[in-house]
Amino acid sequence: MAALTPPAKLAPEPSTVARLVVDVASDRSASDILLLDVRGIVSYADYLVIMSAASRRQMAALAEEVTGSLKKERVKIHHQEGTADSGWVLLDYADVVVHIFAEEERDLYKLEQVWHEAKQVVRIQ
C-alpha cells in the first residue's frame, strides 16, 4: 500500500506575508515600521512595508532575515533591488513590496507622502 503524502503547503495570503514582514522587522529592531494597504491605489501590489535601519549593517541583516523567513513560508521573491550600501533595499514579493531604508534616504524619498492615500494598517515607531 502506497504511503499518503501530505498536501503541499500553500503560500500565505498577502496580508499574512505583510504582517510576517512587520514581525521580522520589529524583532530585528527596525524603526518606524509602516504597513500600508495599497489595494485599489496601485496595480502591482496589495501591501507596502516601509522601515528604517540605523546602519548599513542592520539594513543588510533585515533584508536577509525577511528573505529567509519568507522563504521558509514558501513565499518566493520576485526580485530585489538596491543594497545596504545604496541606502535603500527593495524586496518585491509581487503582492507585498518591502522597502528597507537608511534614515537619510527615507527622509529624502518620503514614500509615506507618495502613498498618503493608502490605508495605514500598522505603524510601529
Protein backbone atom coordinates (compact mmCIF):
# COMPACT_ATOMS: atom_id res chain seq x y z
CA MET A 1 0.00 0.00 0.00
CA ALA A 2 1.41 3.39 -1.01
CA ALA A 3 2.03 5.94 1.70
CA LEU A 4 -0.08 9.06 1.55
CA THR A 5 1.85 12.27 1.11
CA PRO A 6 0.63 15.37 2.87
CA PRO A 7 -0.72 18.13 0.66
CA ALA A 8 1.78 20.79 -0.40
CA LYS A 9 1.86 23.80 1.86
CA LEU A 10 0.41 26.81 0.09
CA ALA A 11 2.00 30.24 0.26
CA PRO A 12 0.24 32.51 2.76
CA GLU A 13 -2.14 35.29 1.75
CA PRO A 14 -0.59 38.73 1.03
CA SER A 15 -1.92 40.19 4.28
CA THR A 16 -0.23 37.37 6.22
CA VAL A 17 3.02 37.90 4.33
CA ALA A 18 2.93 41.64 5.06
CA ARG A 19 2.34 41.05 8.77
CA LEU A 20 5.14 38.50 8.89
CA VAL A 21 7.47 41.13 7.42
CA VAL A 22 6.34 43.59 10.10
CA ASP A 23 7.01 40.98 12.81
CA VAL A 24 10.51 40.26 11.46
CA ALA A 25 11.27 43.98 11.23
CA SER A 26 10.10 44.54 14.79
CA ASP A 27 12.04 41.55 16.11
CA ARG A 28 15.19 42.85 14.37
CA SER A 29 14.78 46.37 15.80
CA ALA A 30 13.89 48.21 12.60
CA SER A 31 12.49 51.64 13.33
CA ASP A 32 9.39 53.46 12.10
CA ILE A 33 7.79 50.35 10.59
CA LEU A 34 4.81 51.16 8.40
CA LEU A 35 2.41 48.72 6.73
CA LEU A 36 0.23 50.30 4.03
CA ASP A 37 -2.73 48.74 2.25
CA VAL A 38 -2.43 49.97 -1.35
CA ARG A 39 -5.16 47.81 -2.89
CA GLY A 40 -7.17 49.93 -5.28
CA ILE A 41 -4.41 52.54 -5.45
CA VAL A 42 -1.71 50.66 -7.35
CA SER A 43 -1.96 47.68 -9.67
CA TYR A 44 1.32 45.98 -8.82
CA ALA A 45 0.90 45.22 -5.09
CA ASP A 46 -1.58 44.89 -2.25
CA TYR A 47 0.71 45.99 0.58
CA LEU A 48 3.83 48.08 1.10
CA VAL A 49 6.02 47.67 4.15
CA ILE A 50 8.41 50.54 4.83
CA MET A 51 11.02 50.52 7.57
CA SER A 52 14.21 52.28 8.61
CA ALA A 53 17.51 50.84 9.78
CA ALA A 54 20.08 52.57 11.96
CA SER A 55 23.06 51.31 9.95
CA ARG A 56 24.02 49.70 6.67
CA ARG A 57 24.81 46.52 8.58
CA GLN A 58 21.31 46.45 10.07
CA MET A 59 19.81 47.04 6.60
CA ALA A 60 21.63 44.00 5.23
CA ALA A 61 20.58 41.90 8.24
CA LEU A 62 16.94 42.96 7.87
CA ALA A 63 16.91 42.08 4.16
CA GLU A 64 18.48 38.70 4.88
CA GLU A 65 16.08 37.94 7.72
CA VAL A 66 12.99 38.93 5.74
CA THR A 67 14.00 36.85 2.71
CA GLY A 68 14.92 33.87 4.90
CA SER A 69 11.71 34.00 6.92
CA LEU A 70 9.52 34.28 3.84
CA LYS A 71 11.39 31.50 2.06
CA LYS A 72 10.55 29.20 4.99
CA GLU A 73 6.89 30.09 4.39
CA ARG A 74 7.20 29.22 0.68
CA VAL A 75 6.96 32.85 -0.41
CA LYS A 76 9.18 33.40 -3.42
CA ILE A 77 10.85 36.72 -4.06
CA HIS A 78 10.10 38.21 -7.46
CA HIS A 79 13.18 40.43 -7.42
CA GLN A 80 15.42 42.55 -5.23
CA GLU A 81 16.82 45.99 -5.96
CA GLY A 82 19.42 48.07 -4.17
CA THR A 83 21.91 47.21 -1.50
CA ALA A 84 22.59 48.29 2.03
CA ASP A 85 25.43 50.45 0.67
CA SER A 86 22.95 52.35 -1.52
CA GLY A 87 20.74 53.14 1.49
CA TRP A 88 17.62 51.52 0.04
CA VAL A 89 16.78 47.84 -0.41
CA LEU A 90 13.58 46.86 -2.17
CA LEU A 91 12.26 43.30 -1.83
CA ASP A 92 9.46 42.56 -4.29
CA TYR A 93 7.19 39.66 -3.37
CA ALA A 94 4.60 40.57 -6.05
CA ASP A 95 1.65 41.36 -3.75
CA VAL A 96 3.91 42.69 -0.98
CA VAL A 97 6.74 45.15 -1.61
CA VAL A 98 9.22 45.77 1.20
CA HIS A 99 11.31 48.95 1.44
CA ILE A 100 14.25 48.96 3.86
CA PHE A 101 15.78 52.42 4.15
CA ALA A 102 18.70 54.09 5.80
CA GLU A 103 17.22 57.03 7.70
CA GLU A 104 18.71 59.66 5.34
CA GLU A 105 17.26 58.03 2.21
CA ARG A 106 13.86 57.56 3.82
CA ASP A 107 13.77 61.26 4.63
CA LEU A 108 14.81 62.04 1.05
CA TYR A 109 12.27 59.83 -0.78
CA LYS A 110 9.33 60.31 1.63
CA LEU A 111 7.35 57.29 0.42
CA GLU A 112 4.75 57.87 3.13
CA GLN A 113 3.83 61.11 1.37
CA VAL A 114 3.82 59.46 -2.06
CA TRP A 115 1.31 56.88 -0.78
CA HIS A 116 -0.67 59.22 1.51
CA GLU A 117 -3.95 57.83 0.11
CA ALA A 118 -3.12 54.31 1.30
CA LYS A 119 -4.73 52.88 4.41
CA GLN A 120 -2.26 52.67 7.28
CA VAL A 121 -2.63 49.15 8.71
CA VAL A 122 0.24 49.15 11.23
CA ARG A 123 2.73 51.76 12.41
CA ILE A 124 5.43 50.91 14.94
CA GLN A 125 7.64 53.83 15.84
